[in-house]
C-alpha atoms as a PDB file:
ATOM      1  CA  MET A   1      67.780-102.863 -70.096  1.00  0.00           C
ATOM      2  CA  ALA A   2      66.890 -99.441 -69.437  1.00  0.00           C
ATOM      3  CA  ALA A   3      65.892 -96.978 -72.515  1.00  0.00           C
ATOM      4  CA  GLY A   4      67.502 -93.802 -72.566  1.00  0.00           C
ATOM      5  CA  GLY A   5      69.494 -90.870 -74.526  1.00  0.00           C
ATOM      6  CA  PHE A   6      71.674 -87.761 -73.407  1.00  0.00           C
ATOM      7  CA  CYS A   7      72.266 -84.013 -74.349  1.00  0.00           C
ATOM      8  CA  LYS A   8      75.331 -82.025 -73.895  1.00  0.00           C
ATOM      9  CA  LEU A   9      74.931 -78.537 -73.058  1.00  0.00           C
ATOM     10  CA  PRO A  10      77.039 -75.533 -73.814  1.00  0.00           C
ATOM     11  CA  ASN A  11      79.194 -75.291 -70.667  1.00  0.00           C
ATOM     12  CA  GLY A  12      80.538 -79.147 -71.642  1.00  0.00           C
ATOM     13  CA  SER A  13      78.197 -80.883 -69.147  1.00  0.00           C
ATOM     14  CA  VAL A  14      75.442 -83.344 -69.793  1.00  0.00           C
ATOM     15  CA  VAL A  15      72.156 -84.533 -68.833  1.00  0.00           C
ATOM     16  CA  VAL A  16      71.181 -87.737 -68.883  1.00  0.00           C
ATOM     17  CA  ALA A  17      67.705 -89.345 -69.109  1.00  0.00           C
ATOM     18  CA  LEU A  18      66.980 -93.080 -68.655  1.00  0.00           C
ATOM     19  CA  THR A  19      63.580 -95.363 -67.978  1.00  0.00           C
ATOM     20  CA  LEU A  20      63.586 -97.368 -65.854  1.00  0.00           C
ATOM     21  CA  PRO A  21      61.522-100.366 -64.202  1.00  0.00           C
ATOM     22  CA  SER A  22      59.825 -98.521 -61.106  1.00  0.00           C
ATOM     23  CA  PRO A  23      61.216-100.516 -57.813  1.00  0.00           C
ATOM     24  CA  GLY A  24      58.500-101.758 -55.301  1.00  0.00           C
ATOM     25  CA  PRO A  25      55.769-104.275 -56.249  1.00  0.00           C
ATOM     26  CA  SER A  26      54.044-102.211 -58.723  1.00  0.00           C
ATOM     27  CA  ALA A  27      54.419-104.610 -61.708  1.00  0.00           C
ATOM     28  CA  GLY A  28      54.931-102.642 -65.229  1.00  0.00           C
ATOM     29  CA  ALA A  29      55.343 -99.375 -64.050  1.00  0.00           C
ATOM     30  CA  ARG A  30      57.999 -97.197 -65.201  1.00  0.00           C
ATOM     31  CA  VAL A  31      59.849 -94.022 -64.085  1.00  0.00           C
ATOM     32  CA  ARG A  32      62.093 -91.203 -65.965  1.00  0.00           C
ATOM     33  CA  VAL A  33      65.502 -90.557 -64.045  1.00  0.00           C
ATOM     34  CA  LEU A  34      66.976 -87.653 -64.905  1.00  0.00           C
ATOM     35  CA  VAL A  35      70.721 -86.578 -63.917  1.00  0.00           C
ATOM     36  CA  HIS A  36      72.961 -84.004 -64.361  1.00  0.00           C
ATOM     37  CA  ALA A  37      76.877 -84.342 -64.244  1.00  0.00           C
ATOM     38  CA  VAL A  38      80.252 -83.474 -65.630  1.00  0.00           C
ATOM     39  CA  ASN A  39      79.998 -86.126 -68.125  1.00  0.00           C
ATOM     40  CA  ARG A  40      78.071 -88.989 -69.191  1.00  0.00           C
ATOM     41  CA  ALA A  41      79.971 -91.636 -67.280  1.00  0.00           C
ATOM     42  CA  ARG A  42      79.894 -89.565 -64.175  1.00  0.00           C
ATOM     43  CA  ALA A  43      75.936 -89.356 -64.298  1.00  0.00           C
ATOM     44  CA  LEU A  44      75.731 -92.857 -64.391  1.00  0.00           C
ATOM     45  CA  THR A  45      78.197 -93.683 -61.632  1.00  0.00           C
ATOM     46  CA  ARG A  46      75.731 -90.826 -59.400  1.00  0.00           C
ATOM     47  CA  LEU A  47      72.715 -93.916 -60.170  1.00  0.00           C
ATOM     48  CA  ARG A  48      75.396 -96.460 -58.963  1.00  0.00           C
ATOM     49  CA  ASN A  49      76.294 -95.319 -55.830  1.00  0.00           C
ATOM     50  CA  LEU A  50      72.547 -94.511 -54.845  1.00  0.00           C
ATOM     51  CA  GLY A  51      71.813 -98.432 -55.442  1.00  0.00           C
ATOM     52  CA  LEU A  52      70.676 -98.361 -58.955  1.00  0.00           C
ATOM     53  CA  ARG A  53      73.915-100.589 -60.120  1.00  0.00           C
ATOM     54  CA  ALA A  54      72.346-102.003 -63.554  1.00  0.00           C
ATOM     55  CA  VAL A  55      72.283 -98.807 -65.261  1.00  0.00           C
ATOM     56  CA  TYR A  56      73.644 -98.091 -68.561  1.00  0.00           C
ATOM     57  CA  LEU A  57      73.385 -96.215 -71.216  1.00  0.00           C
ATOM     58  CA  ARG A  58      73.817 -97.652 -75.197  1.00  0.00           C
ATOM     59  CA  GLY A  59      72.361 -95.097 -77.440  1.00  0.00           C
ATOM     60  CA  ASN A  60      70.614 -92.108 -77.529  1.00  0.00           C
ATOM     61  CA  ALA A  61      67.108 -93.300 -78.629  1.00  0.00           C
ATOM     62  CA  GLU A  62      65.397 -91.398 -75.675  1.00  0.00           C
ATOM     63  CA  PRO A  63      67.012 -87.993 -74.772  1.00  0.00           C
ATOM     64  CA  PRO A  64      65.714 -85.584 -72.732  1.00  0.00           C
ATOM     65  CA  THR A  65      63.031 -83.358 -73.736  1.00  0.00           C
ATOM     66  CA  PRO A  66      63.877 -79.203 -73.378  1.00  0.00           C
ATOM     67  CA  ASP A  67      61.357 -79.512 -70.397  1.00  0.00           C
ATOM     68  CA  GLU A  68      62.891 -81.881 -68.809  1.00  0.00           C
ATOM     69  CA  VAL A  69      66.750 -80.471 -69.334  1.00  0.00           C
ATOM     70  CA  THR A  70      64.870 -77.243 -68.073  1.00  0.00           C
ATOM     71  CA  ALA A  71      63.933 -79.242 -64.926  1.00  0.00           C
ATOM     72  CA  VAL A  72      66.759 -81.077 -63.577  1.00  0.00           C
ATOM     73  CA  LEU A  73      69.179 -77.852 -64.058  1.00  0.00           C
ATOM     74  CA  HIS A  74      66.725 -75.785 -62.058  1.00  0.00           C
ATOM     75  CA  HIS A  75      66.958 -78.560 -59.109  1.00  0.00           C
ATOM     76  CA  PRO A  76      69.721 -78.249 -56.506  1.00  0.00           C
ATOM     77  CA  ASP A  77      70.451 -82.221 -56.606  1.00  0.00           C
ATOM     78  CA  GLY A  78      70.383 -82.303 -60.292  1.00  0.00           C
ATOM     79  CA  LEU A  79      68.978 -85.517 -60.346  1.00  0.00           C
ATOM     80  CA  ILE A  80      64.807 -86.006 -60.092  1.00  0.00           C
ATOM     81  CA  TRP A  81      62.420 -88.725 -61.605  1.00  0.00           C
ATOM     82  CA  ARG A  82      58.518 -88.859 -62.173  1.00  0.00           C
ATOM     83  CA  THR A  83      56.736 -91.610 -63.603  1.00  0.00           C
ATOM     84  CA  ALA A  84      56.910 -92.028 -67.177  1.00  0.00           C
ATOM     85  CA  PRO A  85      54.324 -90.155 -68.939  1.00  0.00           C
ATOM     86  CA  ALA A  86      51.657 -91.697 -70.427  1.00  0.00           C
ATOM     87  CA  GLN A  87      49.352 -90.666 -73.047  1.00  0.00           C
ATOM     88  CA  GLY A  88      48.801 -87.170 -71.660  1.00  0.00           C
ATOM     89  CA  ALA A  89      49.057 -87.636 -67.979  1.00  0.00           C
ATOM     90  CA  GLN A  90      51.930 -85.285 -66.644  1.00  0.00           C
ATOM     91  CA  GLU A  91      53.163 -85.769 -63.181  1.00  0.00           C
ATOM     92  CA  LEU A  92      55.548 -83.338 -61.090  1.00  0.00           C
ATOM     93  CA  TRP A  93      58.980 -83.910 -60.595  1.00  0.00           C
ATOM     94  CA  HIS A  94      60.734 -85.555 -57.082  1.00  0.00           C
ATOM     95  CA  PRO A  95      63.962 -85.777 -55.936  1.00  0.00           C
ATOM     96  CA  ILE A  96      65.869 -89.044 -55.977  1.00  0.00           C
ATOM     97  CA  ARG A  97      65.221 -89.607 -52.297  1.00  0.00           C
ATOM     98  CA  ALA A  98      61.659 -90.200 -52.632  1.00  0.00           C
ATOM     99  CA  LEU A  99      62.369 -92.947 -55.012  1.00  0.00           C
ATOM    100  CA  LEU A 100      64.824 -94.553 -52.680  1.00  0.00           C
ATOM    101  CA  ARG A 101      62.157 -94.458 -49.564  1.00  0.00           C
ATOM    102  CA  ARG A 102      59.792 -95.509 -51.647  1.00  0.00           C
ATOM    103  CA  GLY A 103      61.332 -98.590 -53.406  1.00  0.00           C
ATOM    104  CA  ALA A 104      62.899 -99.201 -49.774  1.00  0.00           C
ATOM    105  CA  ALA A 105      59.329 -99.160 -47.998  1.00  0.00           C
ATOM    106  CA  ALA A 106      58.361-101.933 -50.829  1.00  0.00           C
END
């Protein structure tokens, strides 16, 4: 099951953050996926339409940080990812297409 959470924005839309297993051969690696949508159901539907079928949000254990919200709001697709941050390591955000290509190539 994916760990994650959401936050509701002042305009009524939501940002959903999920930590998922990484596609491909990298065992144990995880990715953090952010989705901006009108509501939580629509955000999860966007991920399922991309092929991530077993994605569910149960609870609000790991809501997106303010930096993550800013990143997804400034991306034109409103759907980004990066490897789950380790202690002190920071990576730039990538469009979701890069993750799907990486998973298909493996």
